[in-house]
């Protein structure tokens, strides 16, 4: 599975309140949440995202509360993947549950806002097309790629039950 998009760069310790403010937690609609994604950091973020774009961040992305709304807001605004130096443990589970791929990369800081990148989930290669550089990360396990392809854990389970 290959994902290609424009980078939206963020720093360290982006918490779930930064991703989606608590006042919007009355909704579970991905598009509604996506319209407010990252607005406390960058009020125009959701208007600047094109479908398929990628968030690249520093360490401890998704820290804070365990709200499932955070990855849902990211996916709802059109972001197709998140790359960070490290993630909060709870973010891993919530992202997989909704089919949002995430990759840890020590080289996340080498990517600039606006760069075009391509992620090969199978090989773990991140190609920075803008800078003509490649970075290696862990390959995204095949079963997680299948969960992403199905649109999340629930759809993956339904598919497995159907045979």
N, C-alpha and C. Protein backbone atom coordinates (compact mmCIF):
# COMPACT_ATOMS: atom_id res chain seq x y z
N UNK A 1 0.84 -1.18 0.00
CA UNK A 1 0.00 0.00 0.00
C UNK A 1 0.89 1.24 0.00
N UNK A 2 0.62 2.15 -0.93
CA UNK A 2 1.40 3.38 -1.06
C UNK A 2 0.47 4.58 -0.83
N UNK A 3 0.95 5.53 -0.05
CA UNK A 3 0.21 6.75 0.26
C UNK A 3 1.06 7.93 -0.19
N UNK A 4 0.45 8.87 -0.89
CA UNK A 4 1.19 10.03 -1.37
C UNK A 4 0.41 11.29 -1.03
N UNK A 5 1.11 12.28 -0.49
CA UNK A 5 0.43 13.52 -0.16
C UNK A 5 1.38 14.61 0.29
N UNK A 6 0.82 15.78 0.53
CA UNK A 6 1.56 16.95 0.97
C UNK A 6 1.68 16.92 2.49
N UNK A 7 2.83 17.35 2.99
CA UNK A 7 3.13 17.35 4.42
C UNK A 7 2.54 18.59 5.10
N UNK A 8 1.93 18.33 6.25
CA UNK A 8 1.52 19.38 7.19
C UNK A 8 2.32 19.12 8.45
N UNK A 9 3.23 20.00 8.78
CA UNK A 9 4.23 19.78 9.83
C UNK A 9 3.78 20.35 11.17
N UNK A 10 3.99 19.56 12.22
CA UNK A 10 3.71 19.97 13.59
C UNK A 10 4.89 19.57 14.47
N UNK A 11 4.96 20.13 15.65
CA UNK A 11 6.07 19.89 16.56
C UNK A 11 5.85 18.73 17.52
N UNK A 12 6.49 18.83 18.67
CA UNK A 12 6.42 17.80 19.71
C UNK A 12 5.16 17.96 20.57
N UNK A 13 4.79 16.86 21.21
CA UNK A 13 3.75 16.84 22.24
C UNK A 13 2.41 17.40 21.77
N UNK A 14 2.01 17.05 20.57
CA UNK A 14 0.69 17.43 20.08
C UNK A 14 -0.32 16.53 20.79
N UNK A 15 -1.13 17.13 21.66
CA UNK A 15 -2.04 16.31 22.46
C UNK A 15 -3.42 16.23 21.82
N UNK A 16 -4.26 15.39 22.39
CA UNK A 16 -5.59 15.17 21.81
C UNK A 16 -6.45 16.43 21.87
N UNK A 17 -6.21 17.32 22.84
CA UNK A 17 -6.92 18.60 22.88
C UNK A 17 -6.49 19.50 21.73
N UNK A 18 -5.23 19.41 21.32
CA UNK A 18 -4.75 20.15 20.15
C UNK A 18 -5.38 19.60 18.87
N UNK A 19 -5.50 18.29 18.82
CA UNK A 19 -6.04 17.64 17.62
C UNK A 19 -7.52 17.96 17.45
N UNK A 20 -8.30 17.82 18.52
CA UNK A 20 -9.72 18.18 18.49
C UNK A 20 -10.11 18.71 19.87
N UNK A 21 -10.52 19.96 19.92
CA UNK A 21 -10.87 20.61 21.19
C UNK A 21 -12.07 19.92 21.84
N UNK A 22 -12.07 19.90 23.16
CA UNK A 22 -13.11 19.22 23.94
C UNK A 22 -14.51 19.70 23.60
N UNK A 23 -14.66 20.95 23.22
CA UNK A 23 -16.01 21.48 22.94
C UNK A 23 -16.68 20.79 21.74
N UNK A 24 -15.90 20.07 20.93
CA UNK A 24 -16.46 19.38 19.77
C UNK A 24 -16.74 17.90 20.02
N UNK A 25 -16.53 17.44 21.22
CA UNK A 25 -16.68 16.01 21.51
C UNK A 25 -18.14 15.56 21.58
N UNK A 26 -19.07 16.46 21.35
CA UNK A 26 -20.48 16.10 21.32
C UNK A 26 -20.83 15.37 20.02
N UNK A 27 -19.92 15.37 19.07
CA UNK A 27 -20.14 14.71 17.78
C UNK A 27 -19.19 13.54 17.61
N UNK A 28 -19.64 12.54 16.88
CA UNK A 28 -18.76 11.45 16.47
C UNK A 28 -18.69 11.37 14.94
N UNK A 29 -19.22 12.39 14.27
CA UNK A 29 -19.19 12.46 12.82
C UNK A 29 -17.80 12.89 12.37
N UNK A 30 -17.15 12.05 11.60
CA UNK A 30 -15.76 12.30 11.20
C UNK A 30 -15.61 13.62 10.43
N UNK A 31 -16.53 13.93 9.54
CA UNK A 31 -16.44 15.17 8.75
C UNK A 31 -16.60 16.40 9.65
N UNK A 32 -17.53 16.34 10.59
CA UNK A 32 -17.73 17.46 11.51
C UNK A 32 -16.50 17.67 12.38
N UNK A 33 -15.96 16.58 12.91
CA UNK A 33 -14.75 16.67 13.72
C UNK A 33 -13.58 17.17 12.86
N UNK A 34 -13.49 16.65 11.65
CA UNK A 34 -12.42 17.05 10.74
C UNK A 34 -12.42 18.53 10.43
N UNK A 35 -13.58 19.15 10.41
CA UNK A 35 -13.68 20.58 10.13
C UNK A 35 -13.03 21.42 11.23
N UNK A 36 -12.80 20.80 12.39
CA UNK A 36 -12.20 21.51 13.52
C UNK A 36 -10.84 20.95 13.93
N UNK A 37 -10.31 20.04 13.12
CA UNK A 37 -9.04 19.40 13.43
C UNK A 37 -7.91 20.43 13.52
N UNK A 38 -7.15 20.37 14.58
CA UNK A 38 -5.96 21.20 14.82
C UNK A 38 -6.25 22.70 14.90
N UNK A 39 -7.51 23.10 15.06
CA UNK A 39 -7.83 24.52 14.99
C UNK A 39 -7.25 25.34 16.14
N UNK A 40 -6.94 24.72 17.28
CA UNK A 40 -6.33 25.49 18.37
C UNK A 40 -4.87 25.83 18.06
N UNK A 41 -4.24 25.05 17.18
CA UNK A 41 -2.86 25.32 16.76
C UNK A 41 -2.83 26.14 15.48
N UNK A 42 -3.68 25.75 14.53
CA UNK A 42 -3.72 26.39 13.22
C UNK A 42 -5.18 26.45 12.76
N UNK A 43 -5.86 27.58 12.98
CA UNK A 43 -7.28 27.69 12.66
C UNK A 43 -7.64 27.37 11.20
N UNK A 44 -6.71 27.51 10.27
CA UNK A 44 -7.00 27.23 8.86
C UNK A 44 -6.60 25.81 8.43
N UNK A 45 -6.13 25.01 9.37
CA UNK A 45 -5.61 23.69 9.00
C UNK A 45 -6.59 22.88 8.17
N UNK A 46 -7.81 22.71 8.64
CA UNK A 46 -8.74 21.82 7.93
C UNK A 46 -9.08 22.34 6.54
N UNK A 47 -9.00 23.66 6.32
CA UNK A 47 -9.26 24.20 4.99
C UNK A 47 -8.05 24.02 4.07
N UNK A 48 -6.87 23.86 4.65
CA UNK A 48 -5.65 23.71 3.85
C UNK A 48 -5.36 22.26 3.45
N UNK A 49 -6.01 21.32 4.11
CA UNK A 49 -5.77 19.90 3.84
C UNK A 49 -6.50 19.47 2.58
N UNK A 50 -5.78 18.77 1.73
CA UNK A 50 -6.39 18.11 0.58
C UNK A 50 -6.46 16.63 0.88
N UNK A 51 -7.47 15.94 0.35
CA UNK A 51 -7.55 14.50 0.62
C UNK A 51 -6.24 13.80 0.27
N UNK A 52 -5.76 13.00 1.21
CA UNK A 52 -4.52 12.26 1.02
C UNK A 52 -3.31 12.89 1.67
N UNK A 53 -3.42 14.13 2.14
CA UNK A 53 -2.28 14.78 2.78
C UNK A 53 -1.83 14.03 4.03
N UNK A 54 -0.65 14.37 4.51
CA UNK A 54 0.01 13.62 5.58
C UNK A 54 0.47 14.58 6.66
N UNK A 55 0.20 14.23 7.92
CA UNK A 55 0.74 14.98 9.05
C UNK A 55 2.10 14.39 9.40
N UNK A 56 3.09 15.27 9.60
CA UNK A 56 4.41 14.86 10.09
C UNK A 56 4.66 15.68 11.35
N UNK A 57 5.04 14.99 12.43
CA UNK A 57 5.18 15.67 13.72
C UNK A 57 6.41 15.15 14.47
N UNK A 58 6.65 15.77 15.60
CA UNK A 58 7.77 15.40 16.45
C UNK A 58 7.43 14.24 17.37
N UNK A 59 7.94 14.32 18.59
CA UNK A 59 7.76 13.21 19.53
C UNK A 59 6.44 13.34 20.29
N UNK A 60 5.94 12.20 20.74
CA UNK A 60 4.79 12.10 21.64
C UNK A 60 3.49 12.60 21.01
N UNK A 61 3.29 12.32 19.74
CA UNK A 61 2.06 12.75 19.05
C UNK A 61 0.87 11.98 19.61
N UNK A 62 -0.22 12.69 19.87
CA UNK A 62 -1.45 12.04 20.35
C UNK A 62 -1.48 11.82 21.85
N UNK A 63 -0.62 12.52 22.59
CA UNK A 63 -0.62 12.37 24.05
C UNK A 63 -1.86 13.03 24.64
N UNK A 64 -2.08 12.82 25.91
CA UNK A 64 -3.23 13.42 26.58
C UNK A 64 -4.29 12.39 26.87
N UNK A 65 -5.53 12.74 26.64
CA UNK A 65 -6.62 11.84 26.96
C UNK A 65 -6.72 10.72 25.92
N UNK A 66 -7.52 9.74 26.23
CA UNK A 66 -7.65 8.59 25.34
C UNK A 66 -8.80 8.76 24.35
N UNK A 67 -9.23 10.00 24.13
CA UNK A 67 -10.39 10.21 23.26
C UNK A 67 -10.18 9.65 21.86
N UNK A 68 -11.15 8.88 21.42
CA UNK A 68 -11.11 8.29 20.09
C UNK A 68 -11.40 9.33 19.01
N UNK A 69 -11.89 10.49 19.42
CA UNK A 69 -12.23 11.55 18.48
C UNK A 69 -10.99 12.09 17.76
N UNK A 70 -9.81 12.01 18.40
CA UNK A 70 -8.61 12.62 17.82
C UNK A 70 -8.23 12.01 16.46
N UNK A 71 -7.99 10.70 16.37
CA UNK A 71 -7.68 10.17 15.04
C UNK A 71 -8.86 10.27 14.08
N UNK A 72 -10.07 10.22 14.60
CA UNK A 72 -11.25 10.38 13.75
C UNK A 72 -11.29 11.77 13.12
N UNK A 73 -10.92 12.80 13.88
CA UNK A 73 -10.86 14.17 13.34
C UNK A 73 -9.78 14.27 12.26
N UNK A 74 -8.64 13.63 12.51
CA UNK A 74 -7.54 13.66 11.53
C UNK A 74 -7.99 13.02 10.22
N UNK A 75 -8.57 11.85 10.33
CA UNK A 75 -9.04 11.14 9.14
C UNK A 75 -10.20 11.90 8.48
N UNK A 76 -11.07 12.48 9.30
CA UNK A 76 -12.23 13.21 8.79
C UNK A 76 -11.90 14.46 8.01
N UNK A 77 -10.73 15.05 8.26
CA UNK A 77 -10.38 16.25 7.47
C UNK A 77 -9.63 15.88 6.20
N UNK A 78 -9.36 14.59 5.99
CA UNK A 78 -8.75 14.16 4.74
C UNK A 78 -7.33 13.67 4.84
N UNK A 79 -6.73 13.72 6.02
CA UNK A 79 -5.36 13.25 6.20
C UNK A 79 -5.34 11.73 6.06
N UNK A 80 -4.37 11.21 5.29
CA UNK A 80 -4.32 9.78 5.02
C UNK A 80 -3.34 9.01 5.89
N UNK A 81 -2.42 9.71 6.58
CA UNK A 81 -1.44 9.05 7.44
C UNK A 81 -0.78 10.08 8.35
N UNK A 82 -0.19 9.58 9.42
CA UNK A 82 0.57 10.42 10.34
C UNK A 82 1.94 9.79 10.53
N UNK A 83 2.98 10.61 10.39
CA UNK A 83 4.35 10.19 10.67
C UNK A 83 4.83 11.07 11.82
N UNK A 84 5.42 10.45 12.83
CA UNK A 84 5.95 11.22 13.96
C UNK A 84 7.19 10.52 14.50
N UNK A 85 7.97 11.27 15.28
CA UNK A 85 9.14 10.66 15.94
C UNK A 85 8.70 9.60 16.93
N UNK A 86 7.58 9.85 17.62
CA UNK A 86 6.99 8.86 18.52
C UNK A 86 5.53 9.21 18.75
N UNK A 87 4.77 8.22 19.20
CA UNK A 87 3.34 8.37 19.45
C UNK A 87 3.02 8.00 20.89
N UNK A 88 1.99 8.61 21.44
CA UNK A 88 1.45 8.16 22.71
C UNK A 88 0.80 6.80 22.47
N UNK A 89 0.94 5.89 23.43
CA UNK A 89 0.47 4.51 23.26
C UNK A 89 -1.01 4.43 22.92
N UNK A 90 -1.84 5.23 23.55
CA UNK A 90 -3.28 5.16 23.30
C UNK A 90 -3.63 5.58 21.89
N UNK A 91 -2.84 6.46 21.31
CA UNK A 91 -3.12 6.91 19.94
C UNK A 91 -2.98 5.75 18.96
N UNK A 92 -2.02 4.85 19.19
CA UNK A 92 -1.83 3.69 18.33
C UNK A 92 -3.15 2.95 18.15
N UNK A 93 -3.74 2.56 19.27
CA UNK A 93 -4.95 1.74 19.24
C UNK A 93 -6.11 2.47 18.57
N UNK A 94 -6.30 3.72 18.94
CA UNK A 94 -7.42 4.47 18.38
C UNK A 94 -7.25 4.71 16.88
N UNK A 95 -6.03 4.93 16.43
CA UNK A 95 -5.78 5.14 15.00
C UNK A 95 -6.07 3.86 14.21
N UNK A 96 -5.62 2.74 14.70
CA UNK A 96 -5.87 1.47 14.02
C UNK A 96 -7.36 1.16 14.00
N UNK A 97 -8.05 1.43 15.10
CA UNK A 97 -9.48 1.15 15.15
C UNK A 97 -10.25 1.82 14.03
N UNK A 98 -9.79 2.98 13.57
CA UNK A 98 -10.51 3.68 12.50
C UNK A 98 -9.80 3.58 11.15
N UNK A 99 -8.68 2.87 11.10
CA UNK A 99 -7.99 2.66 9.83
C UNK A 99 -7.09 3.81 9.41
N UNK A 100 -6.48 4.49 10.38
CA UNK A 100 -5.55 5.58 10.08
C UNK A 100 -4.12 5.09 10.26
N UNK A 101 -3.34 4.96 9.20
CA UNK A 101 -1.96 4.48 9.35
C UNK A 101 -1.05 5.52 10.00
N UNK A 102 -0.14 5.05 10.81
CA UNK A 102 0.82 5.90 11.50
C UNK A 102 2.18 5.22 11.44
N UNK A 103 3.23 6.00 11.33
CA UNK A 103 4.58 5.47 11.27
C UNK A 103 5.51 6.30 12.13
N UNK A 104 6.35 5.62 12.89
CA UNK A 104 7.39 6.33 13.64
C UNK A 104 8.62 6.46 12.77
N UNK A 105 9.21 7.66 12.78
CA UNK A 105 10.42 7.90 12.01
C UNK A 105 11.32 8.87 12.75
N UNK A 106 12.54 8.45 12.98
CA UNK A 106 13.53 9.33 13.61
C UNK A 106 13.86 10.50 12.69
N UNK A 107 13.53 10.38 11.40
CA UNK A 107 13.84 11.42 10.42
C UNK A 107 12.68 12.38 10.17
N UNK A 108 11.66 12.36 11.01
CA UNK A 108 10.50 13.22 10.80
C UNK A 108 10.87 14.70 10.72
N UNK A 109 11.89 15.09 11.47
CA UNK A 109 12.29 16.51 11.47
C UNK A 109 12.98 16.94 10.18
N UNK A 110 13.33 15.99 9.32
CA UNK A 110 14.00 16.33 8.06
C UNK A 110 13.01 16.69 6.95
N UNK A 111 11.73 16.54 7.23
CA UNK A 111 10.68 16.85 6.28
C UNK A 111 10.12 18.23 6.58
N UNK A 112 9.85 19.01 5.56
CA UNK A 112 9.35 20.37 5.73
C UNK A 112 7.86 20.48 5.40
N UNK A 113 7.22 21.45 5.99
CA UNK A 113 5.83 21.75 5.68
C UNK A 113 5.72 22.00 4.18
N UNK A 114 4.76 21.34 3.54
CA UNK A 114 4.55 21.52 2.10
C UNK A 114 5.28 20.54 1.21
N UNK A 115 6.26 19.78 1.76
CA UNK A 115 6.93 18.76 0.96
C UNK A 115 5.92 17.72 0.48
N UNK A 116 6.16 17.17 -0.68
CA UNK A 116 5.38 16.03 -1.17
C UNK A 116 6.14 14.77 -0.79
N UNK A 117 5.43 13.84 -0.15
CA UNK A 117 6.07 12.58 0.23
C UNK A 117 5.21 11.40 -0.20
N UNK A 118 5.87 10.26 -0.29
CA UNK A 118 5.22 9.01 -0.64
C UNK A 118 5.65 7.98 0.39
N UNK A 119 4.69 7.29 0.96
CA UNK A 119 4.96 6.27 1.96
C UNK A 119 4.61 4.91 1.39
N UNK A 120 5.56 4.00 1.39
CA UNK A 120 5.29 2.62 1.02
C UNK A 120 5.15 1.85 2.34
N UNK A 121 3.91 1.57 2.72
CA UNK A 121 3.67 0.91 4.00
C UNK A 121 4.29 -0.48 4.06
N UNK A 122 4.33 -1.18 2.94
CA UNK A 122 4.87 -2.55 2.91
C UNK A 122 6.37 -2.60 3.16
N UNK A 123 7.11 -1.65 2.60
CA UNK A 123 8.56 -1.67 2.73
C UNK A 123 9.07 -0.77 3.86
N UNK A 124 8.24 0.17 4.30
CA UNK A 124 8.68 1.11 5.32
C UNK A 124 9.58 2.20 4.77
N UNK A 125 9.43 2.52 3.48
CA UNK A 125 10.23 3.57 2.88
C UNK A 125 9.37 4.82 2.72
N UNK A 126 9.91 5.95 3.20
CA UNK A 126 9.27 7.25 3.03
C UNK A 126 10.12 8.01 2.02
N UNK A 127 9.53 8.34 0.88
CA UNK A 127 10.24 9.10 -0.15
C UNK A 127 9.80 10.55 -0.06
N UNK A 128 10.76 11.43 0.19
CA UNK A 128 10.48 12.86 0.13
C UNK A 128 10.73 13.27 -1.31
N UNK A 129 9.67 13.41 -2.05
CA UNK A 129 9.76 13.71 -3.48
C UNK A 129 10.33 15.11 -3.68
N UNK A 130 9.93 16.05 -2.85
CA UNK A 130 10.40 17.43 -2.95
C UNK A 130 11.91 17.53 -2.76
N UNK A 131 12.44 16.82 -1.78
CA UNK A 131 13.86 16.90 -1.47
C UNK A 131 14.70 15.79 -2.13
N UNK A 132 14.05 14.88 -2.84
CA UNK A 132 14.73 13.73 -3.46
C UNK A 132 15.54 12.94 -2.44
N UNK A 133 14.90 12.62 -1.29
CA UNK A 133 15.55 11.84 -0.23
C UNK A 133 14.62 10.73 0.21
N UNK A 134 15.20 9.64 0.67
CA UNK A 134 14.44 8.52 1.22
C UNK A 134 14.78 8.31 2.67
N UNK A 135 13.79 7.91 3.44
CA UNK A 135 13.97 7.60 4.86
C UNK A 135 13.36 6.24 5.13
N UNK A 136 13.97 5.51 6.02
CA UNK A 136 13.49 4.18 6.36
C UNK A 136 12.74 4.23 7.69
N UNK A 137 11.64 3.55 7.75
CA UNK A 137 10.88 3.37 8.98
C UNK A 137 10.47 1.91 9.04
N UNK A 138 9.74 1.54 10.07
CA UNK A 138 9.29 0.16 10.15
C UNK A 138 8.22 -0.09 9.08
N UNK A 139 8.25 -1.28 8.52
CA UNK A 139 7.18 -1.65 7.59
C UNK A 139 5.90 -1.78 8.40
N UNK A 140 4.80 -1.36 7.81
CA UNK A 140 3.51 -1.47 8.47
C UNK A 140 3.05 -2.91 8.27
N UNK A 141 2.81 -3.66 9.33
CA UNK A 141 2.46 -5.07 9.20
C UNK A 141 1.28 -5.29 8.25
N UNK A 142 1.33 -6.40 7.53
CA UNK A 142 0.32 -6.70 6.52
C UNK A 142 -1.10 -6.70 7.08
N UNK A 143 -1.29 -7.27 8.27
CA UNK A 143 -2.65 -7.32 8.82
C UNK A 143 -3.14 -5.90 9.18
N UNK A 144 -2.22 -5.00 9.58
CA UNK A 144 -2.63 -3.62 9.84
C UNK A 144 -2.95 -2.90 8.54
N UNK A 145 -2.22 -3.22 7.48
CA UNK A 145 -2.54 -2.65 6.16
C UNK A 145 -3.93 -3.09 5.72
N UNK A 146 -4.28 -4.33 6.03
CA UNK A 146 -5.60 -4.83 5.67
C UNK A 146 -6.69 -4.10 6.47
N UNK A 147 -6.44 -3.84 7.75
CA UNK A 147 -7.38 -3.08 8.57
C UNK A 147 -7.57 -1.69 7.97
N UNK A 148 -6.48 -1.05 7.57
CA UNK A 148 -6.55 0.28 6.95
C UNK A 148 -7.34 0.20 5.64
N UNK A 149 -7.07 -0.81 4.82
CA UNK A 149 -7.77 -0.98 3.54
C UNK A 149 -9.27 -1.16 3.73
N UNK A 150 -9.65 -1.81 4.82
CA UNK A 150 -11.06 -2.06 5.10
C UNK A 150 -11.75 -0.82 5.70
N UNK A 151 -10.97 0.15 6.14
CA UNK A 151 -11.55 1.35 6.73
C UNK A 151 -11.63 1.32 8.24
N UNK A 152 -10.99 0.34 8.85
CA UNK A 152 -10.97 0.27 10.30
C UNK A 152 -11.21 -1.14 10.81
N UNK A 153 -11.07 -1.29 12.11
CA UNK A 153 -11.15 -2.60 12.75
C UNK A 153 -12.52 -3.25 12.60
N UNK A 154 -13.59 -2.50 12.78
CA UNK A 154 -14.95 -3.06 12.69
C UNK A 154 -15.19 -3.64 11.30
N UNK A 155 -14.86 -2.89 10.26
CA UNK A 155 -15.06 -3.38 8.89
C UNK A 155 -14.16 -4.57 8.59
N UNK A 156 -12.96 -4.56 9.13
CA UNK A 156 -12.04 -5.68 8.98
C UNK A 156 -12.64 -6.95 9.58
N UNK A 157 -13.19 -6.84 10.77
CA UNK A 157 -13.81 -7.99 11.44
C UNK A 157 -15.01 -8.48 10.66
N UNK A 158 -15.84 -7.56 10.18
CA UNK A 158 -17.00 -7.95 9.37
C UNK A 158 -16.57 -8.71 8.13
N UNK A 159 -15.50 -8.25 7.48
CA UNK A 159 -15.00 -8.90 6.28
C UNK A 159 -14.52 -10.32 6.61
N UNK A 160 -13.81 -10.47 7.72
CA UNK A 160 -13.31 -11.78 8.13
C UNK A 160 -14.47 -12.74 8.45
N UNK A 161 -15.53 -12.22 9.07
CA UNK A 161 -16.68 -13.05 9.42
C UNK A 161 -17.43 -13.52 8.17
N UNK A 162 -17.44 -12.68 7.12
CA UNK A 162 -18.11 -13.06 5.86
C UNK A 162 -17.32 -14.11 5.10
N UNK A 163 -16.06 -14.23 5.46
CA UNK A 163 -15.23 -15.24 4.81
C UNK A 163 -14.35 -14.68 3.81
